[in-house]
Amino acid sequence: MTGRQMNSLVQTQRTFFRSGTTLDVSTRSRALIKLKNCITKYEKEIITALKKDLGKGSTESYMCEIGMTLSEINYMLRHIVSFSREKVVRTPLSQFPARSFQKPSPYGVVLIMSPWNYPFLLTMEPLVDALAAGNTAVIKPSAYSPHTSTIIKRIISECFGEHYVAVVTGGRVENAFLLEQHFDYIFFTGSKDVGKEVLRHAADHLTPVTLELGGKSPCIVEKSANLKLAARRIVFGKFLNCGQTCVAPDYIYCDASVKEQLIREICREIKRQFGDNPLQNPNYGKIVNKKHYRRLRKLMDPAKVVFGGSFDPTTLRISPTVMDNVTFRDAVMKEEIFGPILPIVTYASLESAIHKINSMPHPLALYLFTGNKHFAKRVLSHCSFGGGCINDTIIHLASSELGFGGFGESGMGSYHGKAGFDTFSHYKSVVDKKTWLDLPMRYQPYRFISDRLIRMFLK
């Protein structure tokens, strides 16, 4: 699609939006129901596409992509009426008589740019929120997950006309053309470098933006933690989708006194979950492409690998790998890993750990394993991060009741459930002033009694 065609598409959607059709809540609900039914209809095709793109097994594909999308749709269908209502707020006595309220209104034509690691979920879930709020949408899935992009386009084409929701496929050229257009809102999930480009282009039109980025998410393991359970949950969160998860535990930051025992438990748990030869496990995925495979191989220091470390360049697979004796000077600690490599770093004291984490760019997630409530409270209060878990990993993003988003270098804005509806809505603040009484104190000429009344009301 050329830049001119994209401009025409945006204008077509803007004309449709201005018709007022999407303002009707029942229209929005019907759109979500249609999308839900179509996703259910093509469940097998979605699973097949995810297998081809990322090697995901059917259970993981449903649990982490299809099921979570359907859950978000069902949540919105239950709450869309209440979310769309005007919210009455208190009116100051000085404005009597009046009614004050906030009215949620859709932005208009939104652009949703999604990544390759969870290509179905991270395209569809923000779309669900955008449609629930009453917008039209242009979707741009990643070129690195072509099979999933194809089934997404098929589903969207079956559910909606391009005047309502449209899918644009392609790579960097198409991204550049899209970012030249004037959208009313941009929602981007991906890398920091591309996020900066999105923000720069959005500034040309003063377009509001949500950026869901990433970062090195620490997993703190304190000495009072249940190490066996911690290992099980860390292995699940780290090696899900071969570590290609924006909120995966990037590295373990543990008390030096429990490191050896924790490593033993993690190695035991990797074997339990993935078998003696994970590269032969049909439910263990692959690295998305050769570029990322080669990058990950360079981060693996053979001298520091204490478990795993095997790989297969023909299938782009790297086994779950644990690295010990790692320092913050190692290459693996200088960038977001985004793969199945788990470095372990130790700390001597809680204060030093907090200080080190806060000296680094704010992570998208932080995980803490501890049996000490004081320790947990101190970390949550003093460390800056997007979201996270105590005694678990990644599950905070699976709840529509919790907004999900980054902080600082890991992003801006949030979505999921009510937070998603709010993200794609502008709240108009309105005072409906009554006409049956008009207090004269605000009008000139000002008198002594007016001054007294104003001072009484505005305290």
Protein backbone atom coordinates (compact mmCIF):
# COMPACT_ATOMS: atom_id res chain seq x y z
CA MET A 1 0.00 0.00 0.00
CA THR A 2 1.38 3.38 -1.02
CA GLY A 3 1.42 6.51 1.08
CA ARG A 4 -1.40 7.96 -1.02
CA GLN A 5 -3.51 4.84 -0.48
CA MET A 6 -2.89 5.01 3.24
CA ASN A 7 -3.93 8.64 3.32
CA SER A 8 -7.12 7.72 1.48
CA LEU A 9 -7.77 4.91 3.97
CA VAL A 10 -7.38 7.25 6.94
CA GLN A 11 -9.70 9.81 5.35
CA THR A 12 -12.30 7.10 4.65
CA GLN A 13 -12.21 6.02 8.27
CA ARG A 14 -12.42 9.61 9.48
CA THR A 15 -15.51 10.20 7.34
CA PHE A 16 -17.11 7.06 8.79
CA PHE A 17 -16.22 8.08 12.33
CA ARG A 18 -17.72 11.52 11.86
CA SER A 19 -20.98 9.92 10.76
CA GLY A 20 -21.48 9.08 14.44
CA THR A 21 -22.12 5.38 13.87
CA THR A 22 -19.52 4.22 16.39
CA LEU A 23 -20.90 6.49 19.11
CA ASP A 24 -23.77 4.05 19.66
CA VAL A 25 -22.82 1.60 22.40
CA SER A 26 -24.91 -1.18 20.88
CA THR A 27 -22.93 -0.81 17.64
CA ARG A 28 -19.70 -1.23 19.58
CA SER A 29 -21.04 -4.31 21.37
CA ARG A 30 -22.13 -5.91 18.09
CA ALA A 31 -18.66 -5.29 16.66
CA LEU A 32 -17.04 -7.03 19.64
CA ILE A 33 -19.42 -9.98 19.45
CA LYS A 34 -18.72 -10.38 15.75
CA LEU A 35 -14.98 -10.29 16.43
CA LYS A 36 -15.31 -12.82 19.25
CA ASN A 37 -17.27 -15.26 17.09
CA CYS A 38 -14.79 -14.96 14.24
CA ILE A 39 -11.80 -15.58 16.52
CA THR A 40 -13.52 -18.70 17.86
CA LYS A 41 -14.28 -19.81 14.30
CA TYR A 42 -10.63 -19.52 13.25
CA GLU A 43 -9.05 -20.84 16.44
CA LYS A 44 -7.28 -23.74 14.69
CA GLU A 45 -5.94 -21.48 11.95
CA ILE A 46 -4.61 -19.02 14.53
CA ILE A 47 -2.84 -21.82 16.39
CA THR A 48 -1.34 -23.09 13.14
CA ALA A 49 -0.09 -19.60 12.25
CA LEU A 50 1.52 -19.13 15.66
CA LYS A 51 3.22 -22.50 15.30
CA LYS A 52 4.70 -21.48 11.96
CA ASP A 53 5.84 -18.06 13.15
CA LEU A 54 7.12 -18.87 16.65
CA GLY A 55 6.87 -22.62 17.17
CA LYS A 56 4.22 -22.23 19.87
CA GLY A 57 2.27 -25.27 20.98
CA SER A 58 -1.53 -25.24 20.96
CA THR A 59 -1.92 -24.90 24.74
CA GLU A 60 0.47 -21.96 24.95
CA SER A 61 -1.15 -20.33 21.92
CA TYR A 62 -4.59 -20.49 23.50
CA MET A 63 -3.46 -19.60 27.02
CA CYS A 64 -1.30 -16.63 26.06
CA GLU A 65 -2.95 -15.29 22.92
CA ILE A 66 -6.42 -16.50 21.95
CA GLY A 67 -7.81 -17.03 25.44
CA MET A 68 -6.59 -13.70 26.76
CA THR A 69 -8.08 -11.90 23.76
CA LEU A 70 -11.45 -13.58 24.27
CA SER A 71 -11.27 -12.75 27.98
CA GLU A 72 -10.73 -9.06 27.18
CA ILE A 73 -13.68 -9.07 24.76
CA ASN A 74 -15.95 -10.68 27.36
CA TYR A 75 -14.81 -8.18 29.98
CA MET A 76 -15.62 -5.27 27.70
CA LEU A 77 -19.02 -6.70 26.79
CA ARG A 78 -19.88 -6.93 30.49
CA HIS A 79 -18.76 -3.39 31.28
CA ILE A 80 -19.09 -1.35 28.09
CA VAL A 81 -22.42 0.21 29.07
CA SER A 82 -21.15 1.43 32.44
CA PHE A 83 -17.81 2.56 31.00
CA SER A 84 -19.59 4.64 28.35
CA ARG A 85 -21.87 6.50 30.74
CA GLU A 86 -21.32 10.07 31.79
CA LYS A 87 -19.68 10.23 35.23
CA VAL A 88 -21.29 12.83 37.48
CA VAL A 89 -18.88 14.61 39.83
CA ARG A 90 -19.36 17.04 42.68
CA THR A 91 -20.07 20.65 41.72
CA PRO A 92 -18.46 23.36 43.90
CA LEU A 93 -20.93 25.46 45.84
CA SER A 94 -19.62 28.53 44.03
CA GLN A 95 -21.03 27.11 40.76
CA PHE A 96 -24.52 26.46 42.16
CA PRO A 97 -26.88 25.60 40.56
CA ALA A 98 -25.17 23.26 38.07
CA ARG A 99 -24.46 19.65 37.20
CA SER A 100 -20.83 18.63 36.53
CA PHE A 101 -19.89 15.50 34.65
CA GLN A 102 -17.22 13.80 32.54
CA LYS A 103 -18.25 12.37 29.20
CA PRO A 104 -16.06 9.65 27.63
CA SER A 105 -15.63 10.20 23.90
CA PRO A 106 -13.61 8.25 21.33
CA TYR A 107 -10.56 9.89 19.81
CA GLY A 108 -11.45 8.99 16.24
CA VAL A 109 -9.11 7.14 13.88
CA VAL A 110 -6.44 5.22 15.78
CA LEU A 111 -3.31 3.41 14.63
CA ILE A 112 -2.32 0.17 16.37
CA MET A 113 1.20 -1.06 15.64
CA SER A 114 1.94 -4.50 17.12
CA PRO A 115 5.06 -6.68 17.56
CA TRP A 116 5.93 -10.23 16.53
CA ASN A 117 6.39 -11.96 19.89
CA TYR A 118 2.69 -12.22 20.76
CA PRO A 119 1.41 -11.22 17.34
CA PHE A 120 -2.23 -12.14 17.83
CA LEU A 121 -2.78 -10.95 21.40
CA LEU A 122 -0.86 -7.70 21.09
CA THR A 123 -2.78 -6.79 17.94
CA MET A 124 -6.25 -7.83 19.01
CA GLU A 125 -6.33 -6.75 22.64
CA PRO A 126 -5.67 -3.05 22.00
CA LEU A 127 -8.12 -3.30 19.08
CA VAL A 128 -10.80 -4.60 21.47
CA ASP A 129 -10.22 -1.62 23.77
CA ALA A 130 -10.25 0.84 20.86
CA LEU A 131 -13.52 -0.53 19.45
CA ALA A 132 -15.15 -0.60 22.88
CA ALA A 133 -14.31 3.09 23.26
CA GLY A 134 -15.91 3.86 19.87
CA ASN A 135 -12.94 4.42 17.56
CA THR A 136 -12.13 3.20 14.09
CA ALA A 137 -8.73 1.54 13.67
CA VAL A 138 -5.89 0.89 11.27
CA ILE A 139 -3.86 -2.15 12.34
CA LYS A 140 -0.22 -2.70 11.41
CA PRO A 141 1.05 -6.13 12.55
CA SER A 142 4.72 -7.04 12.44
CA ALA A 143 6.35 -8.27 9.24
CA TYR A 144 8.29 -10.82 11.33
CA SER A 145 5.14 -12.90 12.02
CA PRO A 146 3.65 -13.15 8.50
CA HIS A 147 1.45 -16.21 9.04
CA THR A 148 -0.29 -14.62 12.02
CA SER A 149 -0.66 -11.35 10.11
CA THR A 150 -2.41 -13.26 7.33
CA ILE A 151 -5.00 -14.83 9.63
CA ILE A 152 -5.50 -11.48 11.40
CA LYS A 153 -6.24 -9.86 8.05
CA ARG A 154 -8.66 -12.65 7.20
CA ILE A 155 -10.54 -12.25 10.48
CA ILE A 156 -10.71 -8.46 10.26
CA SER A 157 -11.84 -8.52 6.62
CA GLU A 158 -14.62 -10.93 7.53
CA CYS A 159 -15.78 -8.84 10.48
CA PHE A 160 -15.41 -5.26 9.29
CA GLY A 161 -15.21 -3.05 6.26
CA GLU A 162 -12.01 -1.06 5.80
CA HIS A 163 -13.93 2.10 6.68
CA TYR A 164 -14.17 0.70 10.23
CA VAL A 165 -11.12 -1.53 10.79
CA ALA A 166 -8.33 -2.11 8.27
CA VAL A 167 -5.13 -4.16 8.28
CA VAL A 168 -1.96 -2.86 6.61
CA THR A 169 0.80 -5.41 6.14
CA GLY A 170 4.42 -4.91 5.15
CA GLY A 171 7.65 -3.74 6.72
CA ARG A 172 9.60 -0.56 7.35
CA VAL A 173 8.41 1.23 4.22
CA GLU A 174 4.77 0.74 5.17
CA ASN A 175 5.52 1.78 8.75
CA ALA A 176 7.07 5.00 7.50
CA PHE A 177 4.08 5.75 5.26
CA LEU A 178 1.66 5.11 8.11
CA LEU A 179 3.51 7.36 10.53
CA GLU A 180 3.27 10.22 8.04
CA GLN A 181 -0.53 10.12 8.31
CA HIS A 182 -2.56 12.17 10.75
CA PHE A 183 -4.10 9.76 13.24
CA ASP A 184 -6.06 10.81 16.30
CA TYR A 185 -4.25 8.31 18.53
CA ILE A 186 -1.30 5.94 18.13
CA PHE A 187 -0.84 2.77 20.15
CA PHE A 188 2.56 1.15 19.69
CA THR A 189 4.04 -2.02 21.15
CA GLY A 190 7.64 -2.87 20.33
CA SER A 191 11.24 -1.85 20.80
CA LYS A 192 12.51 1.38 22.32
CA ASP A 193 14.25 2.47 19.14
CA VAL A 194 11.11 2.19 17.02
CA GLY A 195 9.09 3.70 19.86
CA LYS A 196 11.24 6.82 19.66
CA GLU A 197 10.53 7.07 15.92
CA VAL A 198 6.82 6.73 16.57
CA LEU A 199 6.96 9.50 19.15
CA ARG A 200 8.91 11.79 16.82
CA HIS A 201 6.37 11.34 14.01
CA ALA A 202 3.42 11.73 16.38
CA ALA A 203 4.83 15.09 17.47
CA ASP A 204 4.33 16.44 13.93
CA HIS A 205 0.56 16.24 14.43
CA LEU A 206 0.56 16.50 18.25
CA THR A 207 -0.99 13.04 18.28
CA PRO A 208 -1.32 11.40 21.72
CA VAL A 209 0.57 8.13 22.01
CA THR A 210 0.74 5.01 24.14
CA LEU A 211 4.10 3.23 24.03
CA GLU A 212 4.43 -0.32 25.33
CA LEU A 213 8.16 -1.00 25.26
CA GLY A 214 10.39 -3.25 27.36
CA GLY A 215 13.58 -3.31 29.37
CA LYS A 216 15.60 -5.50 31.69
CA SER A 217 13.00 -6.72 34.18
CA PRO A 218 14.69 -7.93 37.38
CA CYS A 219 13.58 -10.95 39.36
CA ILE A 220 14.67 -10.48 42.97
CA VAL A 221 14.96 -13.63 45.08
CA GLU A 222 15.36 -12.91 48.78
CA LYS A 223 16.74 -15.47 51.20
CA SER A 224 13.37 -16.11 52.88
CA ALA A 225 11.75 -17.14 49.57
CA ASN A 226 10.35 -20.60 48.91
CA LEU A 227 13.12 -21.52 46.48
CA LYS A 228 11.49 -24.59 44.99
CA LEU A 229 8.28 -22.74 44.15
CA ALA A 230 10.23 -19.66 43.06
CA ALA A 231 12.24 -21.77 40.61
CA ARG A 232 9.09 -23.30 39.14
CA ARG A 233 7.43 -19.93 38.57
CA ILE A 234 10.58 -18.24 37.32
CA VAL A 235 11.19 -21.00 34.77
CA PHE A 236 7.60 -20.70 33.56
CA GLY A 237 7.79 -16.92 33.14
CA LYS A 238 11.31 -16.79 31.71
CA PHE A 239 11.08 -19.53 29.09
CA LEU A 240 7.49 -19.02 27.96
CA ASN A 241 7.64 -18.27 24.22
CA CYS A 242 11.39 -18.98 24.42
CA GLY A 243 11.88 -15.92 26.56
CA GLN A 244 10.51 -13.67 23.82
CA THR A 245 8.15 -11.92 26.23
CA CYS A 246 8.39 -8.23 27.07
CA VAL A 247 7.69 -8.92 30.75
CA ALA A 248 9.82 -12.06 31.08
CA PRO A 249 12.22 -12.03 34.04
CA ASP A 250 15.30 -10.71 32.28
CA TYR A 251 17.73 -11.70 35.03
CA ILE A 252 17.71 -13.06 38.57
CA TYR A 253 19.01 -10.76 41.29
CA CYS A 254 19.33 -12.99 44.34
CA ASP A 255 20.75 -12.97 47.83
CA ALA A 256 24.25 -14.42 47.59
CA SER A 257 23.53 -16.90 50.40
CA VAL A 258 20.82 -18.75 48.41
CA LYS A 259 22.32 -18.62 44.92
CA GLU A 260 23.66 -22.18 44.73
CA GLN A 261 20.45 -23.75 46.00
CA LEU A 262 18.37 -21.58 43.68
CA ILE A 263 20.44 -22.63 40.66
CA ARG A 264 19.95 -26.29 41.55
CA GLU A 265 16.20 -25.81 41.82
CA ILE A 266 16.03 -23.89 38.52
CA CYS A 267 18.00 -26.55 36.64
CA ARG A 268 15.80 -29.27 38.11
CA GLU A 269 12.68 -27.34 37.13
CA ILE A 270 13.84 -26.77 33.55
CA LYS A 271 14.21 -30.53 33.16
CA ARG A 272 10.81 -31.12 34.71
CA GLN A 273 9.02 -28.64 32.45
CA PHE A 274 10.89 -29.13 29.18
CA GLY A 275 12.50 -32.56 29.42
CA ASP A 276 16.10 -33.68 29.10
CA ASN A 277 16.30 -32.37 25.53
CA PRO A 278 14.18 -29.20 25.17
CA LEU A 279 15.21 -28.83 21.52
CA GLN A 280 13.18 -31.95 20.79
CA ASN A 281 10.16 -30.80 22.78
CA PRO A 282 7.33 -29.99 20.31
CA ASN A 283 5.81 -27.49 22.75
CA TYR A 284 9.01 -25.50 23.13
CA GLY A 285 9.11 -22.67 20.61
CA LYS A 286 11.81 -21.13 18.45
CA ILE A 287 13.55 -17.81 17.97
CA VAL A 288 11.59 -15.69 15.53
CA ASN A 289 14.32 -15.24 12.88
CA LYS A 290 18.04 -15.56 12.13
CA LYS A 291 18.82 -11.98 13.13
CA HIS A 292 17.54 -12.46 16.67
CA TYR A 293 19.03 -15.96 16.87
CA ARG A 294 22.51 -14.64 16.06
CA ARG A 295 22.12 -11.78 18.55
CA LEU A 296 21.21 -14.22 21.34
CA ARG A 297 24.09 -16.55 20.52
CA LYS A 298 26.50 -13.65 20.99
CA LEU A 299 25.09 -12.99 24.47
CA MET A 300 25.87 -16.56 25.61
CA ASP A 301 29.28 -16.74 27.29
CA PRO A 302 30.20 -20.46 27.27
CA ALA A 303 32.48 -19.95 30.27
CA LYS A 304 29.52 -18.82 32.36
CA VAL A 305 26.86 -21.27 31.14
CA VAL A 306 26.04 -23.70 33.97
CA PHE A 307 23.00 -25.30 32.38
CA GLY A 308 21.66 -25.67 28.85
CA GLY A 309 23.52 -23.75 26.19
CA SER A 310 22.62 -26.09 23.33
CA PHE A 311 21.26 -24.71 20.08
CA ASP A 312 20.15 -25.67 16.58
CA PRO A 313 20.69 -23.09 13.83
CA THR A 314 18.53 -25.03 11.36
CA THR A 315 15.43 -24.74 13.54
CA LEU A 316 16.46 -21.45 15.24
CA ARG A 317 16.15 -23.07 18.65
CA ILE A 318 18.16 -22.31 21.79
CA SER A 319 17.60 -24.44 24.86
CA PRO A 320 16.76 -22.87 28.24
CA THR A 321 20.14 -21.59 29.40
CA VAL A 322 21.35 -20.53 32.84
CA MET A 323 24.44 -18.35 33.30
CA ASP A 324 26.23 -17.94 36.64
CA ASN A 325 28.99 -15.62 37.92
CA VAL A 326 27.50 -12.85 35.81
CA THR A 327 28.23 -9.19 36.50
CA PHE A 328 26.55 -6.06 35.23
CA ARG A 329 29.57 -5.56 32.96
CA ASP A 330 28.80 -8.68 30.90
CA ALA A 331 27.23 -8.29 27.46
CA VAL A 332 24.14 -10.21 28.55
CA MET A 333 23.44 -7.52 31.15
CA LYS A 334 23.80 -4.54 28.82
CA GLU A 335 20.64 -5.05 26.76
CA GLU A 336 17.23 -6.63 27.05
CA ILE A 337 17.78 -10.34 26.41
CA PHE A 338 14.40 -11.27 24.89
CA GLY A 339 15.37 -14.92 24.67
CA PRO A 340 15.87 -18.13 26.69
CA ILE A 341 19.01 -17.00 28.55
CA LEU A 342 18.78 -16.52 32.31
CA PRO A 343 21.75 -14.76 33.95
CA ILE A 344 22.07 -14.83 37.72
CA VAL A 345 23.52 -11.87 39.61
CA THR A 346 23.86 -11.64 43.38
CA TYR A 347 23.50 -8.84 45.89
CA ALA A 348 24.96 -8.43 49.36
CA SER A 349 22.20 -6.29 50.86
CA LEU A 350 18.69 -5.10 50.12
CA GLU A 351 19.80 -1.49 49.96
CA SER A 352 22.49 -2.23 47.39
CA ALA A 353 19.98 -4.14 45.24
CA ILE A 354 17.45 -1.31 45.32
CA HIS A 355 20.15 1.23 44.55
CA LYS A 356 21.40 -0.77 41.57
CA ILE A 357 17.93 -1.33 40.09
CA ASN A 358 17.10 2.36 40.41
CA SER A 359 20.36 3.33 38.72
CA MET A 360 19.27 1.48 35.56
CA PRO A 361 16.48 2.41 33.10
CA HIS A 362 13.05 1.78 34.61
CA PRO A 363 12.00 -1.80 33.78
CA LEU A 364 8.61 -2.82 32.40
CA ALA A 365 8.23 -5.38 35.17
CA LEU A 366 9.76 -6.34 38.51
CA TYR A 367 9.34 -9.66 40.30
CA LEU A 368 10.07 -10.36 43.92
CA PHE A 369 10.20 -13.71 45.68
CA THR A 370 10.21 -13.39 49.45
CA GLY A 371 8.51 -14.51 52.64
CA ASN A 372 9.33 -11.21 54.29
CA LYS A 373 6.49 -8.67 54.09
CA HIS A 374 8.76 -5.81 55.19
CA PHE A 375 11.18 -6.65 52.39
CA ALA A 376 8.33 -6.71 49.85
CA LYS A 377 6.95 -3.39 51.04
CA ARG A 378 10.34 -1.72 50.83
CA VAL A 379 11.03 -2.94 47.29
CA LEU A 380 7.58 -1.92 46.03
CA SER A 381 7.93 1.51 47.62
CA HIS A 382 11.49 2.31 46.56
CA CYS A 383 11.89 0.68 43.12
CA SER A 384 10.41 2.27 40.00
CA PHE A 385 8.86 -0.11 37.45
CA GLY A 386 5.77 -0.61 35.30
CA GLY A 387 4.09 -3.52 37.10
CA GLY A 388 4.95 -6.90 38.52
CA CYS A 389 4.30 -9.71 40.97
CA ILE A 390 5.21 -10.85 44.44
CA ASN A 391 6.08 -14.58 44.49
CA ASP A 392 5.17 -15.11 40.83
CA THR A 393 6.03 -13.88 37.34
CA ILE A 394 4.19 -12.29 34.39
CA ILE A 395 0.63 -13.09 35.57
CA HIS A 396 -0.13 -9.43 36.32
CA LEU A 397 -0.66 -8.82 32.62
CA ALA A 398 -3.38 -11.49 32.43
CA SER A 399 -5.98 -9.51 34.41
CA SER A 400 -8.42 -7.10 32.81
CA GLU A 401 -8.84 -5.55 36.25
CA LEU A 402 -5.22 -4.34 36.24
CA GLY A 403 -3.90 -1.73 33.87
CA PHE A 404 -0.73 -2.85 32.11
CA GLY A 405 1.96 -0.50 30.92
CA GLY A 406 5.49 0.77 31.23
CA PHE A 407 7.14 3.59 33.11
CA GLY A 408 9.90 5.90 31.96
CA GLU A 409 12.12 4.11 29.44
CA SER A 410 9.82 1.07 29.39
CA GLY A 411 6.87 2.98 28.01
CA MET A 412 4.02 5.37 28.70
CA GLY A 413 0.32 4.79 29.15
CA SER A 414 -1.52 1.57 29.95
CA TYR A 415 -4.32 -0.68 28.77
CA HIS A 416 -6.38 -3.80 29.67
CA GLY A 417 -9.97 -3.51 30.86
CA LYS A 418 -11.03 -0.10 32.15
CA ALA A 419 -7.51 1.24 31.64
CA GLY A 420 -7.75 0.25 27.97
CA PHE A 421 -11.12 1.92 27.55
CA ASP A 422 -9.71 5.06 29.18
CA THR A 423 -6.62 4.99 26.96
CA PHE A 424 -8.72 5.16 23.80
CA SER A 425 -11.16 7.74 25.22
CA HIS A 426 -11.00 11.46 25.77
CA TYR A 427 -12.95 12.56 28.84
CA LYS A 428 -14.77 15.83 28.23
CA SER A 429 -15.27 17.81 31.42
CA VAL A 430 -18.61 19.63 31.29
CA VAL A 431 -20.53 21.94 33.61
CA ASP A 432 -24.24 22.14 32.84
CA LYS A 433 -25.22 25.43 34.43
CA LYS A 434 -28.90 25.95 35.25
CA THR A 435 -30.79 29.05 34.22
CA TRP A 436 -33.33 29.43 37.01
CA LEU A 437 -30.81 31.19 39.28
CA ASP A 438 -27.79 33.37 38.52
CA LEU A 439 -25.57 34.35 41.44
CA PRO A 440 -24.32 37.93 40.82
CA MET A 441 -21.10 37.84 42.84
CA ARG A 442 -18.78 37.04 39.89
CA TYR A 443 -19.89 39.99 37.78
CA GLN A 444 -18.48 43.52 37.85
CA PRO A 445 -18.77 45.98 39.37
CA TYR A 446 -17.39 44.07 42.37
CA ARG A 447 -18.82 45.02 45.75
CA PHE A 448 -17.79 44.34 49.31
CA ILE A 449 -20.46 41.66 49.76
CA SER A 450 -19.33 39.97 46.52
CA ASP A 451 -15.76 39.85 47.78
CA ARG A 452 -16.93 38.35 51.08
CA LEU A 453 -19.00 35.68 49.33
CA ILE A 454 -16.20 34.74 46.93
CA ARG A 455 -13.77 34.32 49.83
CA MET A 456 -16.31 32.19 51.67
CA PHE A 457 -16.93 29.87 48.70
CA LEU A 458 -13.32 29.56 47.51
CA LYS A 459 -11.63 28.17 50.59
